Full PDB file with SEQRES, HELIX, SHEET, SSBOND, CRYST1, ORIGX, SCALE, CONECT and MASTER records, all heavy atoms in Angstrom:
SEQRES   1 A   38  SER PRO ALA LEU SER GLY LEU PRO ASP ARG GLY ALA VAL          
SEQRES   2 A   38  LEU LEU VAL HIS GLY PHE GLY ALA SER TRP ARG HIS TRP          
SEQRES   3 A   38  ARG HIS THR ILE PRO ALA LEU SER ALA ALA GLY PHE              
HELIX    1 AA1 TRP A   23  TRP A   26  5                                   4    
HELIX    2 AA2 THR A   29  ALA A   35  1                                   7    
CRYST1    1.000    1.000    1.000  90.00  90.00  90.00 P 1           1          
ORIGX1      1.000000  0.000000  0.000000        0.00000                         
ORIGX2      0.000000  1.000000  0.000000        0.00000                         
ORIGX3      0.000000  0.000000  1.000000        0.00000                         
SCALE1      1.000000  0.000000  0.000000        0.00000                         
SCALE2      0.000000  1.000000  0.000000        0.00000                         
SCALE3      0.000000  0.000000  1.000000        0.00000                         
ATOM      1  N   SER A   1      25.826   7.121  49.714  1.00  0.00           N  
ATOM      2  CA  SER A   1      26.666   8.024  48.955  1.00  0.00           C  
ATOM      3  C   SER A   1      25.838   8.580  47.808  1.00  0.00           C  
ATOM      4  O   SER A   1      25.477   7.841  46.886  1.00  0.00           O  
ATOM      5  CB  SER A   1      27.899   7.291  48.411  1.00  0.00           C  
ATOM      6  OG  SER A   1      28.719   8.162  47.670  1.00  0.00           O  
ATOM      7  N   PRO A   2      25.480   9.853  47.844  1.00  0.00           N  
ATOM      8  CA  PRO A   2      24.650  10.406  46.772  1.00  0.00           C  
ATOM      9  C   PRO A   2      25.397  10.436  45.450  1.00  0.00           C  
ATOM     10  O   PRO A   2      26.633  10.473  45.414  1.00  0.00           O  
ATOM     11  CB  PRO A   2      24.341  11.824  47.270  1.00  0.00           C  
ATOM     12  CG  PRO A   2      25.458  12.155  48.198  1.00  0.00           C  
ATOM     13  CD  PRO A   2      25.860  10.869  48.847  1.00  0.00           C  
ATOM     14  N   ALA A   3      24.639  10.433  44.355  1.00  0.00           N  
ATOM     15  CA  ALA A   3      25.251  10.574  43.043  1.00  0.00           C  
ATOM     16  C   ALA A   3      25.936  11.932  42.944  1.00  0.00           C  
ATOM     17  O   ALA A   3      25.494  12.913  43.542  1.00  0.00           O  
ATOM     18  CB  ALA A   3      24.184  10.440  41.949  1.00  0.00           C  
ATOM     19  N   LEU A   4      27.023  11.987  42.212  1.00  0.00           N  
ATOM     20  CA  LEU A   4      27.737  13.243  42.055  1.00  0.00           C  
ATOM     21  C   LEU A   4      26.852  14.275  41.363  1.00  0.00           C  
ATOM     22  O   LEU A   4      26.091  13.945  40.456  1.00  0.00           O  
ATOM     23  CB  LEU A   4      29.023  13.027  41.252  1.00  0.00           C  
ATOM     24  CG  LEU A   4      30.092  12.134  41.912  1.00  0.00           C  
ATOM     25  CD1 LEU A   4      31.350  12.129  41.065  1.00  0.00           C  
ATOM     26  CD2 LEU A   4      30.410  12.613  43.325  1.00  0.00           C  
ATOM     27  N   SER A   5      26.940  15.517  41.824  1.00  0.00           N  
ATOM     28  CA  SER A   5      26.105  16.573  41.259  1.00  0.00           C  
ATOM     29  C   SER A   5      26.416  16.774  39.782  1.00  0.00           C  
ATOM     30  O   SER A   5      27.552  16.591  39.333  1.00  0.00           O  
ATOM     31  CB  SER A   5      26.351  17.877  42.023  1.00  0.00           C  
ATOM     32  OG  SER A   5      27.705  18.273  41.927  1.00  0.00           O  
ATOM     33  N   GLY A   6      25.391  17.120  39.036  1.00  0.00           N  
ATOM     34  CA  GLY A   6      25.545  17.361  37.610  1.00  0.00           C  
ATOM     35  C   GLY A   6      25.308  16.144  36.746  1.00  0.00           C  
ATOM     36  O   GLY A   6      25.277  16.251  35.515  1.00  0.00           O  
ATOM     37  N   LEU A   7      25.133  14.978  37.376  1.00  0.00           N  
ATOM     38  CA  LEU A   7      24.877  13.753  36.626  1.00  0.00           C  
ATOM     39  C   LEU A   7      23.396  13.399  36.701  1.00  0.00           C  
ATOM     40  O   LEU A   7      22.727  13.689  37.698  1.00  0.00           O  
ATOM     41  CB  LEU A   7      25.705  12.593  37.197  1.00  0.00           C  
ATOM     42  CG  LEU A   7      27.224  12.687  37.068  1.00  0.00           C  
ATOM     43  CD1 LEU A   7      27.880  11.516  37.786  1.00  0.00           C  
ATOM     44  CD2 LEU A   7      27.650  12.712  35.610  1.00  0.00           C  
ATOM     45  N   PRO A   8      22.869  12.752  35.674  1.00  0.00           N  
ATOM     46  CA  PRO A   8      21.482  12.289  35.762  1.00  0.00           C  
ATOM     47  C   PRO A   8      21.350  11.223  36.844  1.00  0.00           C  
ATOM     48  O   PRO A   8      22.263  10.414  37.040  1.00  0.00           O  
ATOM     49  CB  PRO A   8      21.221  11.701  34.375  1.00  0.00           C  
ATOM     50  CG  PRO A   8      22.575  11.382  33.824  1.00  0.00           C  
ATOM     51  CD  PRO A   8      23.494  12.421  34.383  1.00  0.00           C  
ATOM     52  N   ASP A   9      20.229  11.244  37.558  1.00  0.00           N  
ATOM     53  CA  ASP A   9      19.994  10.266  38.617  1.00  0.00           C  
ATOM     54  C   ASP A   9      19.678   8.912  37.988  1.00  0.00           C  
ATOM     55  O   ASP A   9      18.661   8.741  37.323  1.00  0.00           O  
ATOM     56  CB  ASP A   9      18.828  10.729  39.493  1.00  0.00           C  
ATOM     57  CG  ASP A   9      18.600   9.813  40.688  1.00  0.00           C  
ATOM     58  OD1 ASP A   9      19.263   8.755  40.772  1.00  0.00           O  
ATOM     59  OD2 ASP A   9      17.755  10.136  41.531  1.00  0.00           O  
ATOM     60  N   ARG A  10      20.549   7.950  38.192  1.00  0.00           N  
ATOM     61  CA  ARG A  10      20.371   6.617  37.614  1.00  0.00           C  
ATOM     62  C   ARG A  10      19.688   5.650  38.578  1.00  0.00           C  
ATOM     63  O   ARG A  10      19.617   4.459  38.311  1.00  0.00           O  
ATOM     64  CB  ARG A  10      21.722   6.051  37.168  1.00  0.00           C  
ATOM     65  CG  ARG A  10      22.383   6.869  36.052  1.00  0.00           C  
ATOM     66  CD  ARG A  10      23.653   6.198  35.560  1.00  0.00           C  
ATOM     67  NE  ARG A  10      24.289   6.943  34.490  1.00  0.00           N  
ATOM     68  CZ  ARG A  10      23.962   6.864  33.204  1.00  0.00           C  
ATOM     69  NH1 ARG A  10      22.965   6.066  32.827  1.00  0.00           N  
ATOM     70  NH2 ARG A  10      24.610   7.574  32.304  1.00  0.00           N  
ATOM     71  N   GLY A  11      19.190   6.146  39.693  1.00  0.00           N  
ATOM     72  CA  GLY A  11      18.489   5.295  40.637  1.00  0.00           C  
ATOM     73  C   GLY A  11      19.395   4.809  41.745  1.00  0.00           C  
ATOM     74  O   GLY A  11      20.564   5.181  41.851  1.00  0.00           O  
ATOM     75  N   ALA A  12      18.828   3.958  42.597  1.00  0.00           N  
ATOM     76  CA  ALA A  12      19.525   3.492  43.794  1.00  0.00           C  
ATOM     77  C   ALA A  12      20.113   2.108  43.587  1.00  0.00           C  
ATOM     78  O   ALA A  12      19.521   1.245  42.931  1.00  0.00           O  
ATOM     79  CB  ALA A  12      18.571   3.477  44.983  1.00  0.00           C  
ATOM     80  N   VAL A  13      21.278   1.905  44.191  1.00  0.00           N  
ATOM     81  CA  VAL A  13      21.926   0.592  44.247  1.00  0.00           C  
ATOM     82  C   VAL A  13      22.174   0.273  45.709  1.00  0.00           C  
ATOM     83  O   VAL A  13      22.709   1.111  46.449  1.00  0.00           O  
ATOM     84  CB  VAL A  13      23.260   0.579  43.475  1.00  0.00           C  
ATOM     85  CG1 VAL A  13      23.942  -0.779  43.609  1.00  0.00           C  
ATOM     86  CG2 VAL A  13      23.044   0.916  42.007  1.00  0.00           C  
ATOM     87  N   LEU A  14      21.774  -0.918  46.133  1.00  0.00           N  
ATOM     88  CA  LEU A  14      21.982  -1.359  47.513  1.00  0.00           C  
ATOM     89  C   LEU A  14      22.981  -2.511  47.510  1.00  0.00           C  
ATOM     90  O   LEU A  14      22.756  -3.537  46.854  1.00  0.00           O  
ATOM     91  CB  LEU A  14      20.654  -1.795  48.141  1.00  0.00           C  
ATOM     92  CG  LEU A  14      20.688  -2.337  49.574  1.00  0.00           C  
ATOM     93  CD1 LEU A  14      21.388  -1.383  50.521  1.00  0.00           C  
ATOM     94  CD2 LEU A  14      19.261  -2.614  50.057  1.00  0.00           C  
ATOM     95  N   LEU A  15      24.083  -2.340  48.228  1.00  0.00           N  
ATOM     96  CA  LEU A  15      25.175  -3.310  48.275  1.00  0.00           C  
ATOM     97  C   LEU A  15      25.056  -4.163  49.538  1.00  0.00           C  
ATOM     98  O   LEU A  15      24.877  -3.633  50.634  1.00  0.00           O  
ATOM     99  CB  LEU A  15      26.518  -2.586  48.268  1.00  0.00           C  
ATOM    100  CG  LEU A  15      26.743  -1.574  47.126  1.00  0.00           C  
ATOM    101  CD1 LEU A  15      28.052  -0.820  47.339  1.00  0.00           C  
ATOM    102  CD2 LEU A  15      26.734  -2.268  45.777  1.00  0.00           C  
ATOM    103  N   VAL A  16      25.188  -5.494  49.379  1.00  0.00           N  
ATOM    104  CA  VAL A  16      25.046  -6.428  50.500  1.00  0.00           C  
ATOM    105  C   VAL A  16      26.329  -7.241  50.628  1.00  0.00           C  
ATOM    106  O   VAL A  16      26.701  -7.985  49.709  1.00  0.00           O  
ATOM    107  CB  VAL A  16      23.837  -7.363  50.304  1.00  0.00           C  
ATOM    108  CG1 VAL A  16      23.594  -8.173  51.577  1.00  0.00           C  
ATOM    109  CG2 VAL A  16      22.588  -6.574  49.924  1.00  0.00           C  
ATOM    110  N   HIS A  17      27.006  -7.095  51.752  1.00  0.00           N  
ATOM    111  CA  HIS A  17      28.316  -7.721  51.964  1.00  0.00           C  
ATOM    112  C   HIS A  17      28.203  -9.211  52.261  1.00  0.00           C  
ATOM    113  O   HIS A  17      27.113  -9.757  52.474  1.00  0.00           O  
ATOM    114  CB  HIS A  17      29.034  -7.015  53.118  1.00  0.00           C  
ATOM    115  CG  HIS A  17      28.334  -7.190  54.446  1.00  0.00           C  
ATOM    116  ND1 HIS A  17      28.431  -8.329  55.199  1.00  0.00           N  
ATOM    117  CD2 HIS A  17      27.506  -6.353  55.144  1.00  0.00           C  
ATOM    118  CE1 HIS A  17      27.720  -8.205  56.314  1.00  0.00           C  
ATOM    119  NE2 HIS A  17      27.133  -7.012  56.309  1.00  0.00           N  
ATOM    120  N   GLY A  18      29.364  -9.866  52.320  1.00  0.00           N  
ATOM    121  CA  GLY A  18      29.435 -11.288  52.602  1.00  0.00           C  
ATOM    122  C   GLY A  18      29.746 -11.599  54.054  1.00  0.00           C  
ATOM    123  O   GLY A  18      29.819 -10.714  54.914  1.00  0.00           O  
ATOM    124  N   PHE A  19      29.961 -12.892  54.335  1.00  0.00           N  
ATOM    125  CA  PHE A  19      30.217 -13.365  55.688  1.00  0.00           C  
ATOM    126  C   PHE A  19      31.485 -12.713  56.265  1.00  0.00           C  
ATOM    127  O   PHE A  19      32.522 -12.648  55.614  1.00  0.00           O  
ATOM    128  CB  PHE A  19      30.379 -14.889  55.709  1.00  0.00           C  
ATOM    129  CG  PHE A  19      30.847 -15.423  57.025  1.00  0.00           C  
ATOM    130  CD1 PHE A  19      29.998 -15.433  58.115  1.00  0.00           C  
ATOM    131  CD2 PHE A  19      32.145 -15.881  57.186  1.00  0.00           C  
ATOM    132  CE1 PHE A  19      30.427 -15.903  59.352  1.00  0.00           C  
ATOM    133  CE2 PHE A  19      32.584 -16.361  58.413  1.00  0.00           C  
ATOM    134  CZ  PHE A  19      31.727 -16.375  59.495  1.00  0.00           C  
ATOM    135  N   GLY A  20      31.357 -12.241  57.502  1.00  0.00           N  
ATOM    136  CA  GLY A  20      32.493 -11.669  58.206  1.00  0.00           C  
ATOM    137  C   GLY A  20      32.858 -10.264  57.775  1.00  0.00           C  
ATOM    138  O   GLY A  20      33.795  -9.679  58.333  1.00  0.00           O  
ATOM    139  N   ALA A  21      32.155  -9.722  56.797  1.00  0.00           N  
ATOM    140  CA  ALA A  21      32.505  -8.416  56.263  1.00  0.00           C  
ATOM    141  C   ALA A  21      31.514  -7.362  56.754  1.00  0.00           C  
ATOM    142  O   ALA A  21      30.784  -7.561  57.734  1.00  0.00           O  
ATOM    143  CB  ALA A  21      32.559  -8.458  54.736  1.00  0.00           C  
ATOM    144  N   SER A  22      31.482  -6.232  56.064  1.00  0.00           N  
ATOM    145  CA  SER A  22      30.621  -5.114  56.428  1.00  0.00           C  
ATOM    146  C   SER A  22      30.497  -4.218  55.205  1.00  0.00           C  
ATOM    147  O   SER A  22      31.077  -4.504  54.148  1.00  0.00           O  
ATOM    148  CB  SER A  22      31.235  -4.323  57.593  1.00  0.00           C  
ATOM    149  OG  SER A  22      32.457  -3.703  57.175  1.00  0.00           O  
ATOM    150  N   TRP A  23      29.764  -3.096  55.353  1.00  0.00           N  
ATOM    151  CA  TRP A  23      29.651  -2.197  54.209  1.00  0.00           C  
ATOM    152  C   TRP A  23      31.010  -1.659  53.794  1.00  0.00           C  
ATOM    153  O   TRP A  23      31.212  -1.276  52.635  1.00  0.00           O  
ATOM    154  CB  TRP A  23      28.676  -1.059  54.493  1.00  0.00           C  
ATOM    155  CG  TRP A  23      29.095  -0.056  55.529  1.00  0.00           C  
ATOM    156  CD1 TRP A  23      28.655   0.021  56.814  1.00  0.00           C  
ATOM    157  CD2 TRP A  23      30.014   1.039  55.359  1.00  0.00           C  
ATOM    158  NE1 TRP A  23      29.253   1.085  57.466  1.00  0.00           N  
ATOM    159  CE2 TRP A  23      30.082   1.732  56.587  1.00  0.00           C  
ATOM    160  CE3 TRP A  23      30.781   1.500  54.290  1.00  0.00           C  
ATOM    161  CZ2 TRP A  23      30.899   2.844  56.776  1.00  0.00           C  
ATOM    162  CZ3 TRP A  23      31.601   2.616  54.480  1.00  0.00           C  
ATOM    163  CH2 TRP A  23      31.646   3.272  55.706  1.00  0.00           C  
ATOM    164  N   ARG A  24      31.976  -1.651  54.682  1.00  0.00           N  
ATOM    165  CA  ARG A  24      33.308  -1.139  54.355  1.00  0.00           C  
ATOM    166  C   ARG A  24      34.025  -2.004  53.323  1.00  0.00           C  
ATOM    167  O   ARG A  24      35.008  -1.557  52.710  1.00  0.00           O  
ATOM    168  CB  ARG A  24      34.148  -1.001  55.628  1.00  0.00           C  
ATOM    169  CG  ARG A  24      33.652   0.105  56.545  1.00  0.00           C  
ATOM    170  CD  ARG A  24      34.390   0.125  57.869  1.00  0.00           C  
ATOM    171  NE  ARG A  24      34.001   1.279  58.676  1.00  0.00           N  
ATOM    172  CZ  ARG A  24      32.902   1.360  59.399  1.00  0.00           C  
ATOM    173  NH1 ARG A  24      32.062   0.335  59.421  1.00  0.00           N  
ATOM    174  NH2 ARG A  24      32.616   2.439  60.088  1.00  0.00           N  
ATOM    175  N   HIS A  25      33.550  -3.212  53.131  1.00  0.00           N  
ATOM    176  CA  HIS A  25      34.167  -4.074  52.120  1.00  0.00           C  
ATOM    177  C   HIS A  25      33.877  -3.579  50.703  1.00  0.00           C  
ATOM    178  O   HIS A  25      34.496  -4.036  49.742  1.00  0.00           O  
ATOM    179  CB  HIS A  25      33.671  -5.517  52.280  1.00  0.00           C  
ATOM    180  CG  HIS A  25      34.597  -6.537  51.705  1.00  0.00           C  
ATOM    181  ND1 HIS A  25      34.175  -7.794  51.331  1.00  0.00           N  
ATOM    182  CD2 HIS A  25      35.924  -6.494  51.433  1.00  0.00           C  
ATOM    183  CE1 HIS A  25      35.185  -8.474  50.856  1.00  0.00           C  
ATOM    184  NE2 HIS A  25      36.268  -7.715  50.911  1.00  0.00           N  
ATOM    185  N   TRP A  26      32.957  -2.620  50.581  1.00  0.00           N  
ATOM    186  CA  TRP A  26      32.655  -1.994  49.291  1.00  0.00           C  
ATOM    187  C   TRP A  26      33.445  -0.695  49.144  1.00  0.00           C  
ATOM    188  O   TRP A  26      33.040   0.209  48.423  1.00  0.00           O  
ATOM    189  CB  TRP A  26      31.157  -1.721  49.188  1.00  0.00           C  
ATOM    190  CG  TRP A  26      30.308  -2.937  49.307  1.00  0.00           C  
ATOM    191  CD1 TRP A  26      29.576  -3.323  50.400  1.00  0.00           C  
ATOM    192  CD2 TRP A  26      30.083  -3.945  48.312  1.00  0.00           C  
ATOM    193  NE1 TRP A  26      28.921  -4.505  50.143  1.00  0.00           N  
ATOM    194  CE2 TRP A  26      29.212  -4.907  48.863  1.00  0.00           C  
ATOM    195  CE3 TRP A  26      30.540  -4.113  46.996  1.00  0.00           C  
ATOM    196  CZ2 TRP A  26      28.779  -6.030  48.153  1.00  0.00           C  
ATOM    197  CZ3 TRP A  26      30.123  -5.233  46.295  1.00  0.00           C  
ATOM    198  CH2 TRP A  26      29.258  -6.173  46.869  1.00  0.00           C  
ATOM    199  N   ARG A  27      34.579  -0.585  49.799  1.00  0.00           N  
ATOM    200  CA  ARG A  27      35.362   0.651  49.834  1.00  0.00           C  
ATOM    201  C   ARG A  27      35.777   1.135  48.448  1.00  0.00           C  
ATOM    202  O   ARG A  27      35.913   2.346  48.228  1.00  0.00           O  
ATOM    203  CB  ARG A  27      36.610   0.433  50.715  1.00  0.00           C  
ATOM    204  CG  ARG A  27      37.478  -0.748  50.252  1.00  0.00           C  
ATOM    205  CD  ARG A  27      38.596  -1.072  51.195  1.00  0.00           C  
ATOM    206  NE  ARG A  27      39.333  -2.263  50.752  1.00  0.00           N  
ATOM    207  CZ  ARG A  27      40.611  -2.481  51.022  1.00  0.00           C  
ATOM    208  NH1 ARG A  27      41.305  -1.583  51.715  1.00  0.00           N  
ATOM    209  NH2 ARG A  27      41.196  -3.582  50.599  1.00  0.00           N  
ATOM    210  N   HIS A  28      35.988   0.220  47.502  1.00  0.00           N  
ATOM    211  CA  HIS A  28      36.377   0.614  46.148  1.00  0.00           C  
ATOM    212  C   HIS A  28      35.184   0.662  45.191  1.00  0.00           C  
ATOM    213  O   HIS A  28      35.326   1.168  44.074  1.00  0.00           O  
ATOM    214  CB  HIS A  28      37.415  -0.363  45.595  1.00  0.00           C  
ATOM    215  CG  HIS A  28      38.659  -0.457  46.430  1.00  0.00           C  
ATOM    216  ND1 HIS A  28      39.469   0.625  46.686  1.00  0.00           N  
ATOM    217  CD2 HIS A  28      39.223  -1.508  47.077  1.00  0.00           C  
ATOM    218  CE1 HIS A  28      40.488   0.244  47.447  1.00  0.00           C  
ATOM    219  NE2 HIS A  28      40.357  -1.035  47.699  1.00  0.00           N  
ATOM    220  N   THR A  29      34.048   0.134  45.621  1.00  0.00           N  
ATOM    221  CA  THR A  29      32.862   0.076  44.762  1.00  0.00           C  
ATOM    222  C   THR A  29      32.010   1.328  44.896  1.00  0.00           C  
ATOM    223  O   THR A  29      31.520   1.871  43.901  1.00  0.00           O  
ATOM    224  CB  THR A  29      32.013  -1.163  45.120  1.00  0.00           C  
ATOM    225  OG1 THR A  29      32.843  -2.327  45.140  1.00  0.00           O  
ATOM    226  CG2 THR A  29      30.887  -1.358  44.126  1.00  0.00           C  
ATOM    227  N   ILE A  30      31.816   1.779  46.128  1.00  0.00           N  
ATOM    228  CA  ILE A  30      30.921   2.907  46.378  1.00  0.00           C  
ATOM    229  C   ILE A  30      31.340   4.160  45.605  1.00  0.00           C  
ATOM    230  O   ILE A  30      30.499   4.772  44.931  1.00  0.00           O  
ATOM    231  CB  ILE A  30      30.820   3.189  47.892  1.00  0.00           C  
ATOM    232  CG1 ILE A  30      30.120   2.017  48.599  1.00  0.00           C  
ATOM    233  CG2 ILE A  30      30.067   4.484  48.158  1.00  0.00           C  
ATOM    234  CD1 ILE A  30      30.122   2.102  50.127  1.00  0.00           C  
ATOM    235  N   PRO A  31      32.616   4.574  45.637  1.00  0.00           N  
ATOM    236  CA  PRO A  31      32.975   5.789  44.892  1.00  0.00           C  
ATOM    237  C   PRO A  31      32.754   5.654  43.389  1.00  0.00           C  
ATOM    238  O   PRO A  31      32.315   6.619  42.741  1.00  0.00           O  
ATOM    239  CB  PRO A  31      34.466   5.968  45.210  1.00  0.00           C  
ATOM    240  CG  PRO A  31      34.699   5.208  46.465  1.00  0.00           C  
ATOM    241  CD  PRO A  31      33.759   4.041  46.403  1.00  0.00           C  
ATOM    242  N   ALA A  32      33.023   4.471  42.827  1.00  0.00           N  
ATOM    243  CA  ALA A  32      32.861   4.287  41.385  1.00  0.00           C  
ATOM    244  C   ALA A  32      31.403   4.368  40.976  1.00  0.00           C  
ATOM    245  O   ALA A  32      31.068   4.971  39.942  1.00  0.00           O  
ATOM    246  CB  ALA A  32      33.458   2.944  40.966  1.00  0.00           C  
ATOM    247  N   LEU A  33      30.511   3.781  41.750  1.00  0.00           N  
ATOM    248  CA  LEU A  33      29.088   3.811  41.401  1.00  0.00           C  
ATOM    249  C   LEU A  33      28.504   5.205  41.622  1.00  0.00           C  
ATOM    250  O   LEU A  33      27.667   5.658  40.839  1.00  0.00           O  
ATOM    251  CB  LEU A  33      28.318   2.777  42.221  1.00  0.00           C  
ATOM    252  CG  LEU A  33      28.719   1.310  42.021  1.00  0.00           C  
ATOM    253  CD1 LEU A  33      27.746   0.391  42.749  1.00  0.00           C  
ATOM    254  CD2 LEU A  33      28.798   0.945  40.543  1.00  0.00           C  
ATOM    255  N   SER A  34      28.952   5.867  42.676  1.00  0.00           N  
ATOM    256  CA  SER A  34      28.494   7.234  42.917  1.00  0.00           C  
ATOM    257  C   SER A  34      28.931   8.147  41.773  1.00  0.00           C  
ATOM    258  O   SER A  34      28.151   8.989  41.297  1.00  0.00           O  
ATOM    259  CB  SER A  34      29.054   7.739  44.248  1.00  0.00           C  
ATOM    260  OG  SER A  34      28.641   9.057  44.516  1.00  0.00           O  
ATOM    261  N   ALA A  35      30.159   7.972  41.309  1.00  0.00           N  
ATOM    262  CA  ALA A  35      30.671   8.786  40.206  1.00  0.00           C  
ATOM    263  C   ALA A  35      29.952   8.501  38.903  1.00  0.00           C  
ATOM    264  O   ALA A  35      29.971   9.334  37.984  1.00  0.00           O  
ATOM    265  CB  ALA A  35      32.173   8.541  40.040  1.00  0.00           C  
ATOM    266  N   ALA A  36      29.307   7.337  38.804  1.00  0.00           N  
ATOM    267  CA  ALA A  36      28.568   6.975  37.591  1.00  0.00           C  
ATOM    268  C   ALA A  36      27.114   7.429  37.631  1.00  0.00           C  
ATOM    269  O   ALA A  36      26.357   7.164  36.695  1.00  0.00           O  
ATOM    270  CB  ALA A  36      28.628   5.463  37.374  1.00  0.00           C  
ATOM    271  N   GLY A  37      26.709   8.093  38.723  1.00  0.00           N  
ATOM    272  CA  GLY A  37      25.367   8.650  38.778  1.00  0.00           C  
ATOM    273  C   GLY A  37      24.370   7.889  39.624  1.00  0.00           C  
ATOM    274  O   GLY A  37      23.176   8.200  39.604  1.00  0.00           O  
ATOM    275  N   PHE A  38      24.834   6.908  40.383  1.00  0.00           N  
ATOM    276  CA  PHE A  38      23.930   6.118  41.222  1.00  0.00           C  
ATOM    277  C   PHE A  38      23.919   6.639  42.650  1.00  0.00           C  
ATOM    278  O   PHE A  38      24.930   7.115  43.163  1.00  0.00           O  
ATOM    279  CB  PHE A  38      24.347   4.644  41.226  1.00  0.00           C  
ATOM    280  CG  PHE A  38      24.248   3.978  39.890  1.00  0.00           C  
ATOM    281  CD1 PHE A  38      25.376   3.831  39.096  1.00  0.00           C  
ATOM    282  CD2 PHE A  38      23.031   3.516  39.418  1.00  0.00           C  
ATOM    283  CE1 PHE A  38      25.294   3.225  37.853  1.00  0.00           C  
ATOM    284  CE2 PHE A  38      22.940   2.911  38.177  1.00  0.00           C  
ATOM    285  CZ  PHE A  38      24.074   2.765  37.380  1.00  0.00           C  
TER     286      PHE A  38                                                      
MASTER        0    0    0    2    0    0    0    6  285    1    0    3          
END                                                                             
């Protein structure tokens, strides 16, 4: 998920899920971090 346009690039964040889960378990995290410029 790219950082929202118009924000300074704060670098990359890589999210690693837990047992039995998947990247979809970050469903509420990804939009918030993207909106913060990551």
